[in-house]
Amino acid sequence: MEFFKTSSTELETDPEPATEKIEPIGAPGRLRKYGWLSRLRSYFIFDPLIWLYTVVFGLVSIPASFFGDPERILHGFARWWSWLIMKTIFSPVKVTGLEKIDTAVAHVYAVNHGSALDIPVLYVHLPFQ
């Protein structure tokens, strides 16, 4: 096999073709981690409950925001909504390092949406608004 050399790199000029077969993610015959029962449970139990929580808390929070401190009230509704979602889907979360957060200083938390649960997890487990 020939190589092209420069002062800092070494590049192949004649690469060999790949020998292993690459299967697409949705390929038939590929083992799935969760079966149809899990999907049915999500479609008919978890999803409707989460929609119900969202609609109820959304409708109740709008008029409630006109009384008292609206930011505190809305944040409280968001925390309850998040707590219900986390309890409904039986998702255990272990939080470490909360004692290292200085609550006297403002912070910005940027989540990268690794899943649909990062927002509820933050609302439930951060001890402040």
C-alpha atoms as a PDB file:
ATOM      1  CA  MET A   1       0.000   0.000   0.000  1.00  0.00           C
ATOM      2  CA  GLU A   2       1.347   3.426  -0.920  1.00  0.00           C
ATOM      3  CA  PHE A   3       1.333   6.416   1.390  1.00  0.00           C
ATOM      4  CA  PHE A   4       1.532  10.126   0.743  1.00  0.00           C
ATOM      5  CA  LYS A   5       3.795  11.736   3.338  1.00  0.00           C
ATOM      6  CA  THR A   6       3.870  15.353   4.424  1.00  0.00           C
ATOM      7  CA  SER A   7       5.718  17.009   7.249  1.00  0.00           C
ATOM      8  CA  SER A   8       2.905  16.461   9.778  1.00  0.00           C
ATOM      9  CA  THR A   9       0.594  13.734   8.441  1.00  0.00           C
ATOM     10  CA  GLU A  10       0.589  10.400   6.707  1.00  0.00           C
ATOM     11  CA  LEU A  11      -2.380   9.685   4.415  1.00  0.00           C
ATOM     12  CA  GLU A  12      -3.409   6.491   2.640  1.00  0.00           C
ATOM     13  CA  THR A  13      -3.796   6.822  -1.101  1.00  0.00           C
ATOM     14  CA  ASP A  14      -5.254   3.377  -1.742  1.00  0.00           C
ATOM     15  CA  PRO A  15      -7.568   2.437   1.154  1.00  0.00           C
ATOM     16  CA  GLU A  16      -8.954  -1.081   1.341  1.00  0.00           C
ATOM     17  CA  PRO A  17     -12.745  -1.451   1.102  1.00  0.00           C
ATOM     18  CA  ALA A  18     -14.708  -2.211   4.261  1.00  0.00           C
ATOM     19  CA  THR A  19     -15.430  -5.898   4.733  1.00  0.00           C
ATOM     20  CA  GLU A  20     -18.109  -5.798   7.427  1.00  0.00           C
ATOM     21  CA  LYS A  21     -21.765  -5.325   6.602  1.00  0.00           C
ATOM     22  CA  ILE A  22     -23.429  -2.204   8.007  1.00  0.00           C
ATOM     23  CA  GLU A  23     -27.100  -2.610   8.915  1.00  0.00           C
ATOM     24  CA  PRO A  24     -29.448   0.357   9.102  1.00  0.00           C
ATOM     25  CA  ILE A  25     -30.919   1.084  12.532  1.00  0.00           C
ATOM     26  CA  GLY A  26     -34.448   0.023  11.616  1.00  0.00           C
ATOM     27  CA  ALA A  27     -33.349  -3.123   9.828  1.00  0.00           C
ATOM     28  CA  PRO A  28     -35.588  -6.181  10.168  1.00  0.00           C
ATOM     29  CA  GLY A  29     -34.046  -8.894  12.267  1.00  0.00           C
ATOM     30  CA  ARG A  30     -32.287  -6.406  14.487  1.00  0.00           C
ATOM     31  CA  LEU A  31     -33.127  -7.018  18.131  1.00  0.00           C
ATOM     32  CA  ARG A  32     -35.183  -4.300  19.728  1.00  0.00           C
ATOM     33  CA  LYS A  33     -34.556  -3.296  23.309  1.00  0.00           C
ATOM     34  CA  TYR A  34     -38.251  -2.873  24.126  1.00  0.00           C
ATOM     35  CA  GLY A  35     -41.173  -4.776  22.691  1.00  0.00           C
ATOM     36  CA  TRP A  36     -44.748  -4.044  21.701  1.00  0.00           C
ATOM     37  CA  LEU A  37     -46.031  -4.125  25.273  1.00  0.00           C
ATOM     38  CA  SER A  38     -43.744  -1.254  26.143  1.00  0.00           C
ATOM     39  CA  ARG A  39     -44.989   0.736  23.158  1.00  0.00           C
ATOM     40  CA  LEU A  40     -48.619   0.038  24.000  1.00  0.00           C
ATOM     41  CA  ARG A  41     -48.020   1.110  27.590  1.00  0.00           C
ATOM     42  CA  SER A  42     -46.484   4.345  26.333  1.00  0.00           C
ATOM     43  CA  TYR A  43     -49.231   5.041  23.797  1.00  0.00           C
ATOM     44  CA  PHE A  44     -52.208   4.229  26.010  1.00  0.00           C
ATOM     45  CA  ILE A  45     -51.038   5.036  29.551  1.00  0.00           C
ATOM     46  CA  PHE A  46     -47.988   7.298  29.764  1.00  0.00           C
ATOM     47  CA  ASP A  47     -48.682   9.613  26.823  1.00  0.00           C
ATOM     48  CA  PRO A  48     -52.328  10.351  27.744  1.00  0.00           C
ATOM     49  CA  LEU A  49     -51.343  10.998  31.363  1.00  0.00           C
ATOM     50  CA  ILE A  50     -48.592  13.413  30.360  1.00  0.00           C
ATOM     51  CA  TRP A  51     -51.005  15.210  27.999  1.00  0.00           C
ATOM     52  CA  LEU A  52     -53.562  15.375  30.805  1.00  0.00           C
ATOM     53  CA  TYR A  53     -51.005  16.853  33.228  1.00  0.00           C
ATOM     54  CA  THR A  54     -49.944  19.408  30.624  1.00  0.00           C
ATOM     55  CA  VAL A  55     -53.474  20.523  29.783  1.00  0.00           C
ATOM     56  CA  VAL A  56     -54.675  20.672  33.410  1.00  0.00           C
ATOM     57  CA  PHE A  57     -51.623  22.499  34.748  1.00  0.00           C
ATOM     58  CA  GLY A  58     -51.605  24.826  31.734  1.00  0.00           C
ATOM     59  CA  LEU A  59     -55.263  25.759  32.174  1.00  0.00           C
ATOM     60  CA  VAL A  60     -54.988  26.203  35.942  1.00  0.00           C
ATOM     61  CA  SER A  61     -51.728  28.164  35.803  1.00  0.00           C
ATOM     62  CA  ILE A  62     -53.055  30.890  33.502  1.00  0.00           C
ATOM     63  CA  PRO A  63     -55.675  32.317  35.906  1.00  0.00           C
ATOM     64  CA  ALA A  64     -53.475  31.551  38.934  1.00  0.00           C
ATOM     65  CA  SER A  65     -50.716  33.735  37.497  1.00  0.00           C
ATOM     66  CA  PHE A  66     -52.877  36.838  38.012  1.00  0.00           C
ATOM     67  CA  PHE A  67     -52.700  36.465  41.798  1.00  0.00           C
ATOM     68  CA  GLY A  68     -49.607  37.024  43.917  1.00  0.00           C
ATOM     69  CA  ASP A  69     -46.121  36.608  42.470  1.00  0.00           C
ATOM     70  CA  PRO A  70     -46.705  35.143  38.979  1.00  0.00           C
ATOM     71  CA  GLU A  71     -43.127  33.901  38.504  1.00  0.00           C
ATOM     72  CA  ARG A  72     -43.183  31.972  41.752  1.00  0.00           C
ATOM     73  CA  ILE A  73     -46.657  30.569  41.102  1.00  0.00           C
ATOM     74  CA  LEU A  74     -45.854  29.460  37.546  1.00  0.00           C
ATOM     75  CA  HIS A  75     -42.567  27.928  38.656  1.00  0.00           C
ATOM     76  CA  GLY A  76     -44.449  25.996  41.342  1.00  0.00           C
ATOM     77  CA  PHE A  77     -46.876  24.639  38.737  1.00  0.00           C
ATOM     78  CA  ALA A  78     -43.953  23.676  36.501  1.00  0.00           C
ATOM     79  CA  ARG A  79     -42.286  21.821  39.369  1.00  0.00           C
ATOM     80  CA  TRP A  80     -45.486  19.877  40.170  1.00  0.00           C
ATOM     81  CA  TRP A  81     -45.990  19.095  36.483  1.00  0.00           C
ATOM     82  CA  SER A  82     -42.410  17.819  36.214  1.00  0.00           C
ATOM     83  CA  TRP A  83     -42.698  15.787  39.411  1.00  0.00           C
ATOM     84  CA  LEU A  84     -45.860  14.087  38.136  1.00  0.00           C
ATOM     85  CA  ILE A  85     -44.195  13.213  34.829  1.00  0.00           C
ATOM     86  CA  MET A  86     -41.153  11.732  36.553  1.00  0.00           C
ATOM     87  CA  LYS A  87     -43.317   9.675  38.925  1.00  0.00           C
ATOM     88  CA  THR A  88     -45.619   8.511  36.124  1.00  0.00           C
ATOM     89  CA  ILE A  89     -42.845   7.084  33.970  1.00  0.00           C
ATOM     90  CA  PHE A  90     -40.988   5.521  36.928  1.00  0.00           C
ATOM     91  CA  SER A  91     -37.726   7.181  35.953  1.00  0.00           C
ATOM     92  CA  PRO A  92     -35.214   7.165  38.809  1.00  0.00           C
ATOM     93  CA  VAL A  93     -32.844  10.124  38.866  1.00  0.00           C
ATOM     94  CA  LYS A  94     -29.832  10.430  41.128  1.00  0.00           C
ATOM     95  CA  VAL A  95     -28.589  13.982  41.596  1.00  0.00           C
ATOM     96  CA  THR A  96     -25.119  14.617  42.976  1.00  0.00           C
ATOM     97  CA  GLY A  97     -23.302  17.873  43.611  1.00  0.00           C
ATOM     98  CA  LEU A  98     -26.244  20.124  44.551  1.00  0.00           C
ATOM     99  CA  GLU A  99     -24.257  21.327  47.547  1.00  0.00           C
ATOM    100  CA  LYS A 100     -21.662  22.811  45.161  1.00  0.00           C
ATOM    101  CA  ILE A 101     -24.173  25.234  43.609  1.00  0.00           C
ATOM    102  CA  ASP A 102     -23.844  28.751  44.990  1.00  0.00           C
ATOM    103  CA  THR A 103     -27.451  29.956  45.288  1.00  0.00           C
ATOM    104  CA  ALA A 104     -26.329  33.551  45.932  1.00  0.00           C
ATOM    105  CA  VAL A 105     -25.091  33.875  42.348  1.00  0.00           C
ATOM    106  CA  ALA A 106     -27.219  33.725  39.200  1.00  0.00           C
ATOM    107  CA  HIS A 107     -26.588  30.740  36.922  1.00  0.00           C
ATOM    108  CA  VAL A 108     -27.677  29.782  33.423  1.00  0.00           C
ATOM    109  CA  TYR A 109     -28.430  26.109  32.814  1.00  0.00           C
ATOM    110  CA  ALA A 110     -28.230  25.113  29.171  1.00  0.00           C
ATOM    111  CA  VAL A 111     -29.603  21.667  28.472  1.00  0.00           C
ATOM    112  CA  ASN A 112     -28.742  19.948  25.223  1.00  0.00           C
ATOM    113  CA  HIS A 113     -31.975  17.935  25.000  1.00  0.00           C
ATOM    114  CA  GLY A 114     -30.322  14.554  25.210  1.00  0.00           C
ATOM    115  CA  SER A 115     -33.816  13.322  25.971  1.00  0.00           C
ATOM    116  CA  ALA A 116     -37.294  14.659  26.518  1.00  0.00           C
ATOM    117  CA  LEU A 117     -36.730  14.463  30.263  1.00  0.00           C
ATOM    118  CA  ASP A 118     -33.973  17.004  30.813  1.00  0.00           C
ATOM    119  CA  ILE A 119     -36.409  19.885  31.447  1.00  0.00           C
ATOM    120  CA  PRO A 120     -38.577  17.956  33.955  1.00  0.00           C
ATOM    121  CA  VAL A 121     -35.439  16.703  35.719  1.00  0.00           C
ATOM    122  CA  LEU A 122     -34.140  20.261  36.125  1.00  0.00           C
ATOM    123  CA  TYR A 123     -37.480  21.550  37.412  1.00  0.00           C
ATOM    124  CA  VAL A 124     -37.809  18.742  39.938  1.00  0.00           C
ATOM    125  CA  HIS A 125     -34.264  18.611  41.254  1.00  0.00           C
ATOM    126  CA  LEU A 126     -32.972  22.185  41.258  1.00  0.00           C
ATOM    127  CA  PRO A 127     -33.812  23.616  44.675  1.00  0.00           C
ATOM    128  CA  PHE A 128     -34.414  27.162  43.433  1.00  0.00           C
ATOM    129  CA  GLN A 129     -36.065  29.079  40.631  1.00  0.00           C
END
